[in-house]
Full PDB file with SEQRES, HELIX, SHEET, SSBOND, CRYST1, ORIGX, SCALE, CONECT and MASTER records, all heavy atoms in Angstrom:
SEQRES   1 A   34  ARG GLN ALA PRO GLY LYS GLU ARG GLU ALA VAL SER CYS          
SEQRES   2 A   34  ILE ARG ARG THR SER GLY SER PRO HIS TYR ALA GLU SER          
SEQRES   3 A   34  VAL LYS GLY ARG PHE THR ILE SER                              
SHEET    1 AA1 2 SER A  12  ILE A  14  0                                        
SHEET    2 AA1 2 PRO A  21  TYR A  23 -1                                        
CRYST1    1.000    1.000    1.000  90.00  90.00  90.00 P 1           1          
ORIGX1      1.000000  0.000000  0.000000        0.00000                         
ORIGX2      0.000000  1.000000  0.000000        0.00000                         
ORIGX3      0.000000  0.000000  1.000000        0.00000                         
SCALE1      1.000000  0.000000  0.000000        0.00000                         
SCALE2      0.000000  1.000000  0.000000        0.00000                         
SCALE3      0.000000  0.000000  1.000000        0.00000                         
ATOM      1  N   ARG A   1       0.825  -1.157  -0.002  1.00  0.00           N  
ATOM      2  CA  ARG A   1       0.024   0.031   0.019  1.00  0.00           C  
ATOM      3  C   ARG A   1       0.871   1.261   0.023  1.00  0.00           C  
ATOM      4  O   ARG A   1       1.982   1.225   0.443  1.00  0.00           O  
ATOM      5  CB  ARG A   1      -1.000   0.069   1.180  1.00  0.00           C  
ATOM      6  CG  ARG A   1      -0.240   0.150   2.572  1.00  0.00           C  
ATOM      7  CD  ARG A   1      -1.313   0.100   3.678  1.00  0.00           C  
ATOM      8  NE  ARG A   1      -0.686   0.310   4.955  1.00  0.00           N  
ATOM      9  CZ  ARG A   1      -1.372   0.186   6.078  1.00  0.00           C  
ATOM     10  NH1 ARG A   1      -2.699  -0.244   6.137  1.00  0.00           N  
ATOM     11  NH2 ARG A   1      -0.775   0.341   7.285  1.00  0.00           N  
ATOM     12  N   GLN A   2       0.271   2.335  -0.524  1.00  0.00           N  
ATOM     13  CA  GLN A   2       1.019   3.543  -0.549  1.00  0.00           C  
ATOM     14  C   GLN A   2       0.044   4.709  -0.098  1.00  0.00           C  
ATOM     15  O   GLN A   2      -0.920   5.028  -0.766  1.00  0.00           O  
ATOM     16  CB  GLN A   2       1.615   3.908  -1.995  1.00  0.00           C  
ATOM     17  CG  GLN A   2       2.477   5.097  -2.088  1.00  0.00           C  
ATOM     18  CD  GLN A   2       3.282   5.163  -3.316  1.00  0.00           C  
ATOM     19  OE1 GLN A   2       2.938   4.475  -4.264  1.00  0.00           O  
ATOM     20  NE2 GLN A   2       4.327   5.909  -3.327  1.00  0.00           N  
ATOM     21  N   ALA A   3       0.345   5.310   0.964  1.00  0.00           N  
ATOM     22  CA  ALA A   3      -0.408   6.449   1.471  1.00  0.00           C  
ATOM     23  C   ALA A   3       0.106   7.711   0.987  1.00  0.00           C  
ATOM     24  O   ALA A   3       1.366   7.774   0.472  1.00  0.00           O  
ATOM     25  CB  ALA A   3      -0.422   6.484   3.077  1.00  0.00           C  
ATOM     26  N   PRO A   4      -0.683   8.768   0.999  1.00  0.00           N  
ATOM     27  CA  PRO A   4      -0.242  10.035   0.435  1.00  0.00           C  
ATOM     28  C   PRO A   4       0.999  10.509   1.153  1.00  0.00           C  
ATOM     29  O   PRO A   4       1.131  10.652   2.414  1.00  0.00           O  
ATOM     30  CB  PRO A   4      -1.368  10.993   0.755  1.00  0.00           C  
ATOM     31  CG  PRO A   4      -2.561  10.108   0.854  1.00  0.00           C  
ATOM     32  CD  PRO A   4      -2.113   8.854   1.429  1.00  0.00           C  
ATOM     33  N   GLY A   5       1.964  10.897   0.372  1.00  0.00           N  
ATOM     34  CA  GLY A   5       3.257  11.482   0.971  1.00  0.00           C  
ATOM     35  C   GLY A   5       4.176  10.376   1.495  1.00  0.00           C  
ATOM     36  O   GLY A   5       5.280  10.764   2.082  1.00  0.00           O  
ATOM     37  N   LYS A   6       3.839   9.071   1.308  1.00  0.00           N  
ATOM     38  CA  LYS A   6       4.756   8.059   1.856  1.00  0.00           C  
ATOM     39  C   LYS A   6       5.137   7.056   0.747  1.00  0.00           C  
ATOM     40  O   LYS A   6       4.537   6.990  -0.274  1.00  0.00           O  
ATOM     41  CB  LYS A   6       3.982   7.270   3.001  1.00  0.00           C  
ATOM     42  CG  LYS A   6       3.516   8.108   4.132  1.00  0.00           C  
ATOM     43  CD  LYS A   6       2.867   7.265   5.165  1.00  0.00           C  
ATOM     44  CE  LYS A   6       3.883   6.380   5.891  1.00  0.00           C  
ATOM     45  NZ  LYS A   6       3.258   5.685   7.050  1.00  0.00           N  
ATOM     46  N   GLU A   7       6.147   6.324   1.063  1.00  0.00           N  
ATOM     47  CA  GLU A   7       6.597   5.220   0.105  1.00  0.00           C  
ATOM     48  C   GLU A   7       5.680   3.992   0.210  1.00  0.00           C  
ATOM     49  O   GLU A   7       4.965   3.834   1.130  1.00  0.00           O  
ATOM     50  CB  GLU A   7       8.042   4.848   0.536  1.00  0.00           C  
ATOM     51  CG  GLU A   7       9.131   5.926   0.350  1.00  0.00           C  
ATOM     52  CD  GLU A   7       9.345   6.346  -1.042  1.00  0.00           C  
ATOM     53  OE1 GLU A   7       9.390   5.473  -1.982  1.00  0.00           O  
ATOM     54  OE2 GLU A   7       9.365   7.604  -1.332  1.00  0.00           O  
ATOM     55  N   ARG A   8       5.691   3.363  -0.908  1.00  0.00           N  
ATOM     56  CA  ARG A   8       4.921   2.041  -0.952  1.00  0.00           C  
ATOM     57  C   ARG A   8       5.565   1.074   0.106  1.00  0.00           C  
ATOM     58  O   ARG A   8       6.775   0.839   0.105  1.00  0.00           O  
ATOM     59  CB  ARG A   8       4.965   1.445  -2.391  1.00  0.00           C  
ATOM     60  CG  ARG A   8       4.101   0.369  -2.532  1.00  0.00           C  
ATOM     61  CD  ARG A   8       3.985  -0.123  -3.965  1.00  0.00           C  
ATOM     62  NE  ARG A   8       3.592   0.893  -4.874  1.00  0.00           N  
ATOM     63  CZ  ARG A   8       3.323   0.852  -6.179  1.00  0.00           C  
ATOM     64  NH1 ARG A   8       3.418  -0.423  -6.815  1.00  0.00           N  
ATOM     65  NH2 ARG A   8       2.986   1.852  -6.911  1.00  0.00           N  
ATOM     66  N   GLU A   9       4.666   0.517   0.832  1.00  0.00           N  
ATOM     67  CA  GLU A   9       5.128  -0.406   1.847  1.00  0.00           C  
ATOM     68  C   GLU A   9       4.417  -1.723   1.788  1.00  0.00           C  
ATOM     69  O   GLU A   9       3.231  -1.886   1.363  1.00  0.00           O  
ATOM     70  CB  GLU A   9       4.813   0.164   3.329  1.00  0.00           C  
ATOM     71  CG  GLU A   9       3.390   0.427   3.618  1.00  0.00           C  
ATOM     72  CD  GLU A   9       3.144   0.916   5.035  1.00  0.00           C  
ATOM     73  OE1 GLU A   9       4.099   1.058   5.838  1.00  0.00           O  
ATOM     74  OE2 GLU A   9       1.964   1.189   5.405  1.00  0.00           O  
ATOM     75  N   ALA A  10       5.055  -2.794   2.179  1.00  0.00           N  
ATOM     76  CA  ALA A  10       4.577  -4.077   2.281  1.00  0.00           C  
ATOM     77  C   ALA A  10       3.556  -4.250   3.379  1.00  0.00           C  
ATOM     78  O   ALA A  10       3.812  -3.804   4.513  1.00  0.00           O  
ATOM     79  CB  ALA A  10       5.680  -5.146   2.407  1.00  0.00           C  
ATOM     80  N   VAL A  11       2.495  -4.948   3.103  1.00  0.00           N  
ATOM     81  CA  VAL A  11       1.376  -5.127   4.069  1.00  0.00           C  
ATOM     82  C   VAL A  11       1.310  -6.623   4.478  1.00  0.00           C  
ATOM     83  O   VAL A  11       1.338  -6.896   5.718  1.00  0.00           O  
ATOM     84  CB  VAL A  11       0.026  -4.699   3.438  1.00  0.00           C  
ATOM     85  CG1 VAL A  11      -1.073  -5.055   4.468  1.00  0.00           C  
ATOM     86  CG2 VAL A  11      -0.058  -3.290   3.169  1.00  0.00           C  
ATOM     87  N   SER A  12       1.362  -7.465   3.513  1.00  0.00           N  
ATOM     88  CA  SER A  12       1.314  -8.968   3.801  1.00  0.00           C  
ATOM     89  C   SER A  12       1.835  -9.781   2.651  1.00  0.00           C  
ATOM     90  O   SER A  12       1.836  -9.265   1.555  1.00  0.00           O  
ATOM     91  CB  SER A  12      -0.169  -9.275   4.139  1.00  0.00           C  
ATOM     92  OG  SER A  12      -0.330 -10.690   4.554  1.00  0.00           O  
ATOM     93  N   CYS A  13       2.181 -10.980   3.038  1.00  0.00           N  
ATOM     94  CA  CYS A  13       2.723 -11.840   1.947  1.00  0.00           C  
ATOM     95  C   CYS A  13       2.552 -13.362   2.352  1.00  0.00           C  
ATOM     96  O   CYS A  13       2.598 -13.714   3.560  1.00  0.00           O  
ATOM     97  CB  CYS A  13       4.249 -11.577   1.798  1.00  0.00           C  
ATOM     98  SG  CYS A  13       5.176 -12.805   0.820  1.00  0.00           S  
ATOM     99  N   ILE A  14       2.369 -14.220   1.361  1.00  0.00           N  
ATOM    100  CA  ILE A  14       2.444 -15.616   1.590  1.00  0.00           C  
ATOM    101  C   ILE A  14       3.651 -16.138   0.639  1.00  0.00           C  
ATOM    102  O   ILE A  14       3.533 -15.942  -0.597  1.00  0.00           O  
ATOM    103  CB  ILE A  14       1.187 -16.402   1.150  1.00  0.00           C  
ATOM    104  CG1 ILE A  14       0.098 -15.945   2.103  1.00  0.00           C  
ATOM    105  CG2 ILE A  14       1.427 -17.852   1.364  1.00  0.00           C  
ATOM    106  CD1 ILE A  14      -1.305 -16.579   1.728  1.00  0.00           C  
ATOM    107  N   ARG A  15       4.678 -16.641   1.197  1.00  0.00           N  
ATOM    108  CA  ARG A  15       5.787 -17.095   0.394  1.00  0.00           C  
ATOM    109  C   ARG A  15       5.588 -18.499  -0.114  1.00  0.00           C  
ATOM    110  O   ARG A  15       5.068 -19.292   0.600  1.00  0.00           O  
ATOM    111  CB  ARG A  15       7.119 -17.006   1.217  1.00  0.00           C  
ATOM    112  CG  ARG A  15       7.508 -15.675   1.616  1.00  0.00           C  
ATOM    113  CD  ARG A  15       8.904 -15.782   2.398  1.00  0.00           C  
ATOM    114  NE  ARG A  15       8.740 -16.443   3.703  1.00  0.00           N  
ATOM    115  CZ  ARG A  15       9.501 -17.439   3.992  1.00  0.00           C  
ATOM    116  NH1 ARG A  15      10.443 -17.887   3.167  1.00  0.00           N  
ATOM    117  NH2 ARG A  15       9.375 -18.002   5.162  1.00  0.00           N  
ATOM    118  N   ARG A  16       6.032 -18.757  -1.331  1.00  0.00           N  
ATOM    119  CA  ARG A  16       5.889 -20.113  -1.961  1.00  0.00           C  
ATOM    120  C   ARG A  16       6.525 -21.139  -1.134  1.00  0.00           C  
ATOM    121  O   ARG A  16       6.033 -22.215  -0.991  1.00  0.00           O  
ATOM    122  CB  ARG A  16       6.503 -20.092  -3.325  1.00  0.00           C  
ATOM    123  CG  ARG A  16       6.202 -21.318  -4.111  1.00  0.00           C  
ATOM    124  CD  ARG A  16       7.046 -21.325  -5.327  1.00  0.00           C  
ATOM    125  NE  ARG A  16       8.450 -21.695  -5.026  1.00  0.00           N  
ATOM    126  CZ  ARG A  16       9.433 -21.661  -5.851  1.00  0.00           C  
ATOM    127  NH1 ARG A  16       9.297 -21.327  -7.154  1.00  0.00           N  
ATOM    128  NH2 ARG A  16      10.721 -21.993  -5.374  1.00  0.00           N  
ATOM    129  N   THR A  17       7.686 -20.748  -0.631  1.00  0.00           N  
ATOM    130  CA  THR A  17       8.554 -21.807   0.104  1.00  0.00           C  
ATOM    131  C   THR A  17       7.937 -21.972   1.526  1.00  0.00           C  
ATOM    132  O   THR A  17       8.564 -22.967   2.230  1.00  0.00           O  
ATOM    133  CB  THR A  17       9.944 -21.389   0.165  1.00  0.00           C  
ATOM    134  OG1 THR A  17      10.038 -20.068   0.731  1.00  0.00           O  
ATOM    135  CG2 THR A  17      10.537 -21.399  -1.307  1.00  0.00           C  
ATOM    136  N   SER A  18       7.057 -21.276   2.005  1.00  0.00           N  
ATOM    137  CA  SER A  18       6.600 -21.365   3.390  1.00  0.00           C  
ATOM    138  C   SER A  18       5.083 -21.631   3.505  1.00  0.00           C  
ATOM    139  O   SER A  18       4.667 -22.705   4.117  1.00  0.00           O  
ATOM    140  CB  SER A  18       6.894 -20.093   4.173  1.00  0.00           C  
ATOM    141  OG  SER A  18       6.398 -20.120   5.462  1.00  0.00           O  
ATOM    142  N   GLY A  19       4.301 -20.781   2.873  1.00  0.00           N  
ATOM    143  CA  GLY A  19       2.887 -20.883   3.084  1.00  0.00           C  
ATOM    144  C   GLY A  19       2.357 -20.161   4.320  1.00  0.00           C  
ATOM    145  O   GLY A  19       1.154 -19.799   4.397  1.00  0.00           O  
ATOM    146  N   SER A  20       3.256 -19.893   5.228  1.00  0.00           N  
ATOM    147  CA  SER A  20       2.872 -19.137   6.406  1.00  0.00           C  
ATOM    148  C   SER A  20       2.945 -17.679   6.171  1.00  0.00           C  
ATOM    149  O   SER A  20       3.910 -17.194   5.646  1.00  0.00           O  
ATOM    150  CB  SER A  20       3.745 -19.600   7.670  1.00  0.00           C  
ATOM    151  OG  SER A  20       3.423 -18.841   8.805  1.00  0.00           O  
ATOM    152  N   PRO A  21       1.843 -16.953   6.423  1.00  0.00           N  
ATOM    153  CA  PRO A  21       1.865 -15.482   6.052  1.00  0.00           C  
ATOM    154  C   PRO A  21       2.671 -14.621   6.847  1.00  0.00           C  
ATOM    155  O   PRO A  21       2.917 -14.890   8.013  1.00  0.00           O  
ATOM    156  CB  PRO A  21       0.390 -15.124   6.179  1.00  0.00           C  
ATOM    157  CG  PRO A  21      -0.118 -16.059   7.248  1.00  0.00           C  
ATOM    158  CD  PRO A  21       0.640 -17.267   7.017  1.00  0.00           C  
ATOM    159  N   HIS A  22       3.092 -13.483   6.213  1.00  0.00           N  
ATOM    160  CA  HIS A  22       3.805 -12.454   6.910  1.00  0.00           C  
ATOM    161  C   HIS A  22       2.929 -11.209   6.982  1.00  0.00           C  
ATOM    162  O   HIS A  22       2.099 -10.996   5.991  1.00  0.00           O  
ATOM    163  CB  HIS A  22       5.081 -12.023   6.205  1.00  0.00           C  
ATOM    164  CG  HIS A  22       6.128 -13.152   6.199  1.00  0.00           C  
ATOM    165  ND1 HIS A  22       7.103 -13.245   7.054  1.00  0.00           N  
ATOM    166  CD2 HIS A  22       6.213 -14.163   5.285  1.00  0.00           C  
ATOM    167  CE1 HIS A  22       7.869 -14.308   6.698  1.00  0.00           C  
ATOM    168  NE2 HIS A  22       7.383 -14.892   5.689  1.00  0.00           N  
ATOM    169  N   TYR A  23       2.982 -10.466   8.036  1.00  0.00           N  
ATOM    170  CA  TYR A  23       2.167  -9.157   8.109  1.00  0.00           C  
ATOM    171  C   TYR A  23       3.074  -8.060   8.660  1.00  0.00           C  
ATOM    172  O   TYR A  23       3.855  -8.234   9.554  1.00  0.00           O  
ATOM    173  CB  TYR A  23       1.043  -9.423   8.983  1.00  0.00           C  
ATOM    174  CG  TYR A  23      -0.009 -10.329   8.579  1.00  0.00           C  
ATOM    175  CD1 TYR A  23      -0.017 -11.669   8.953  1.00  0.00           C  
ATOM    176  CD2 TYR A  23      -0.963  -9.964   7.621  1.00  0.00           C  
ATOM    177  CE1 TYR A  23      -1.036 -12.521   8.516  1.00  0.00           C  
ATOM    178  CE2 TYR A  23      -1.872 -10.839   7.158  1.00  0.00           C  
ATOM    179  CZ  TYR A  23      -1.930 -12.170   7.570  1.00  0.00           C  
ATOM    180  OH  TYR A  23      -2.827 -13.042   7.094  1.00  0.00           O  
ATOM    181  N   ALA A  24       2.772  -6.880   8.192  1.00  0.00           N  
ATOM    182  CA  ALA A  24       3.430  -5.713   8.773  1.00  0.00           C  
ATOM    183  C   ALA A  24       2.794  -5.561  10.174  1.00  0.00           C  
ATOM    184  O   ALA A  24       1.625  -5.828  10.411  1.00  0.00           O  
ATOM    185  CB  ALA A  24       3.032  -4.417   7.973  1.00  0.00           C  
ATOM    186  N   GLU A  25       3.584  -5.010  11.149  1.00  0.00           N  
ATOM    187  CA  GLU A  25       3.135  -4.883  12.501  1.00  0.00           C  
ATOM    188  C   GLU A  25       1.915  -3.968  12.626  1.00  0.00           C  
ATOM    189  O   GLU A  25       1.068  -4.205  13.505  1.00  0.00           O  
ATOM    190  CB  GLU A  25       4.269  -4.285  13.311  1.00  0.00           C  
ATOM    191  CG  GLU A  25       5.432  -5.243  13.669  1.00  0.00           C  
ATOM    192  CD  GLU A  25       4.994  -6.443  14.395  1.00  0.00           C  
ATOM    193  OE1 GLU A  25       4.083  -6.263  15.317  1.00  0.00           O  
ATOM    194  OE2 GLU A  25       5.533  -7.542  14.124  1.00  0.00           O  
ATOM    195  N   SER A  26       1.846  -3.000  11.693  1.00  0.00           N  
ATOM    196  CA  SER A  26       0.676  -2.074  11.767  1.00  0.00           C  
ATOM    197  C   SER A  26      -0.697  -2.722  11.410  1.00  0.00           C  
ATOM    198  O   SER A  26      -1.734  -2.201  11.762  1.00  0.00           O  
ATOM    199  CB  SER A  26       0.927  -0.880  10.806  1.00  0.00           C  
ATOM    200  OG  SER A  26       1.113  -1.408   9.446  1.00  0.00           O  
ATOM    201  N   VAL A  27      -0.671  -3.862  10.774  1.00  0.00           N  
ATOM    202  CA  VAL A  27      -1.932  -4.537  10.380  1.00  0.00           C  
ATOM    203  C   VAL A  27      -2.091  -5.922  11.028  1.00  0.00           C  
ATOM    204  O   VAL A  27      -3.194  -6.563  10.947  1.00  0.00           O  
ATOM    205  CB  VAL A  27      -2.059  -4.635   8.872  1.00  0.00           C  
ATOM    206  CG1 VAL A  27      -1.818  -3.286   8.159  1.00  0.00           C  
ATOM    207  CG2 VAL A  27      -1.074  -5.713   8.351  1.00  0.00           C  
ATOM    208  N   LYS A  28      -1.136  -6.357  11.740  1.00  0.00           N  
ATOM    209  CA  LYS A  28      -1.200  -7.660  12.370  1.00  0.00           C  
ATOM    210  C   LYS A  28      -2.343  -7.824  13.295  1.00  0.00           C  
ATOM    211  O   LYS A  28      -2.641  -6.886  14.163  1.00  0.00           O  
ATOM    212  CB  LYS A  28       0.135  -7.954  13.095  1.00  0.00           C  
ATOM    213  CG  LYS A  28       0.361  -9.465  13.506  1.00  0.00           C  
ATOM    214  CD  LYS A  28       1.709  -9.702  14.143  1.00  0.00           C  
ATOM    215  CE  LYS A  28       2.741  -9.434  13.012  1.00  0.00           C  
ATOM    216  NZ  LYS A  28       4.113  -9.695  13.495  1.00  0.00           N  
ATOM    217  N   GLY A  29      -3.129  -8.898  13.165  1.00  0.00           N  
ATOM    218  CA  GLY A  29      -4.325  -9.102  13.981  1.00  0.00           C  
ATOM    219  C   GLY A  29      -5.616  -8.457  13.355  1.00  0.00           C  
ATOM    220  O   GLY A  29      -6.703  -8.792  13.908  1.00  0.00           O  
ATOM    221  N   ARG A  30      -5.442  -7.619  12.362  1.00  0.00           N  
ATOM    222  CA  ARG A  30      -6.555  -6.949  11.728  1.00  0.00           C  
ATOM    223  C   ARG A  30      -6.766  -7.395  10.285  1.00  0.00           C  
ATOM    224  O   ARG A  30      -7.955  -7.476   9.830  1.00  0.00           O  
ATOM    225  CB  ARG A  30      -6.433  -5.498  11.762  1.00  0.00           C  
ATOM    226  CG  ARG A  30      -6.310  -4.936  13.189  1.00  0.00           C  
ATOM    227  CD  ARG A  30      -6.373  -3.389  13.181  1.00  0.00           C  
ATOM    228  NE  ARG A  30      -5.277  -2.775  12.497  1.00  0.00           N  
ATOM    229  CZ  ARG A  30      -5.383  -2.118  11.373  1.00  0.00           C  
ATOM    230  NH1 ARG A  30      -6.564  -1.824  10.858  1.00  0.00           N  
ATOM    231  NH2 ARG A  30      -4.324  -1.516  10.788  1.00  0.00           N  
ATOM    232  N   PHE A  31      -5.650  -7.683   9.594  1.00  0.00           N  
ATOM    233  CA  PHE A  31      -5.753  -8.074   8.109  1.00  0.00           C  
ATOM    234  C   PHE A  31      -5.433  -9.529   8.012  1.00  0.00           C  
ATOM    235  O   PHE A  31      -4.669 -10.119   8.651  1.00  0.00           O  
ATOM    236  CB  PHE A  31      -4.698  -7.218   7.262  1.00  0.00           C  
ATOM    237  CG  PHE A  31      -5.066  -5.782   7.106  1.00  0.00           C  
ATOM    238  CD1 PHE A  31      -6.113  -5.105   7.858  1.00  0.00           C  
ATOM    239  CD2 PHE A  31      -4.402  -4.973   6.318  1.00  0.00           C  
ATOM    240  CE1 PHE A  31      -6.334  -3.832   7.796  1.00  0.00           C  
ATOM    241  CE2 PHE A  31      -4.727  -3.671   6.113  1.00  0.00           C  
ATOM    242  CZ  PHE A  31      -5.736  -3.095   6.876  1.00  0.00           C  
ATOM    243  N   THR A  32      -5.980 -10.090   6.900  1.00  0.00           N  
ATOM    244  CA  THR A  32      -5.737 -11.490   6.540  1.00  0.00           C  
ATOM    245  C   THR A  32      -5.550 -11.692   5.113  1.00  0.00           C  
ATOM    246  O   THR A  32      -6.435 -11.216   4.263  1.00  0.00           O  
ATOM    247  CB  THR A  32      -6.952 -12.421   6.974  1.00  0.00           C  
ATOM    248  OG1 THR A  32      -7.149 -12.294   8.490  1.00  0.00           O  
ATOM    249  CG2 THR A  32      -6.450 -13.897   6.666  1.00  0.00           C  
ATOM    250  N   ILE A  33      -4.375 -12.289   4.730  1.00  0.00           N  
ATOM    251  CA  ILE A  33      -4.100 -12.527   3.250  1.00  0.00           C  
ATOM    252  C   ILE A  33      -4.524 -13.995   2.927  1.00  0.00           C  
ATOM    253  O   ILE A  33      -4.354 -14.858   3.727  1.00  0.00           O  
ATOM    254  CB  ILE A  33      -2.637 -12.289   2.902  1.00  0.00           C  
ATOM    255  CG1 ILE A  33      -2.436 -12.417   1.430  1.00  0.00           C  
ATOM    256  CG2 ILE A  33      -1.742 -13.246   3.710  1.00  0.00           C  
ATOM    257  CD1 ILE A  33      -1.037 -12.005   1.025  1.00  0.00           C  
ATOM    258  N   SER A  34      -5.031 -14.213   1.741  1.00  0.00           N  
ATOM    259  CA  SER A  34      -5.458 -15.495   1.378  1.00  0.00           C  
ATOM    260  C   SER A  34      -5.533 -15.612  -0.217  1.00  0.00           C  
ATOM    261  O   SER A  34      -5.406 -14.607  -0.831  1.00  0.00           O  
ATOM    262  CB  SER A  34      -6.822 -15.932   1.908  1.00  0.00           C  
ATOM    263  OG  SER A  34      -7.820 -15.097   1.395  1.00  0.00           O  
TER     264      SER A  34                                                      
MASTER        0    0    0    0    2    0    0    6  263    1    0    3          
END                                                                             
């Protein structure tokens, strides 16, 4: 995501080699990737 005046930042990811998702601290517990 990219907010006004800010750089594009990673929010969440599922890696092919893992399957376990990653989340930015700012969205952890609120967002779910699938």
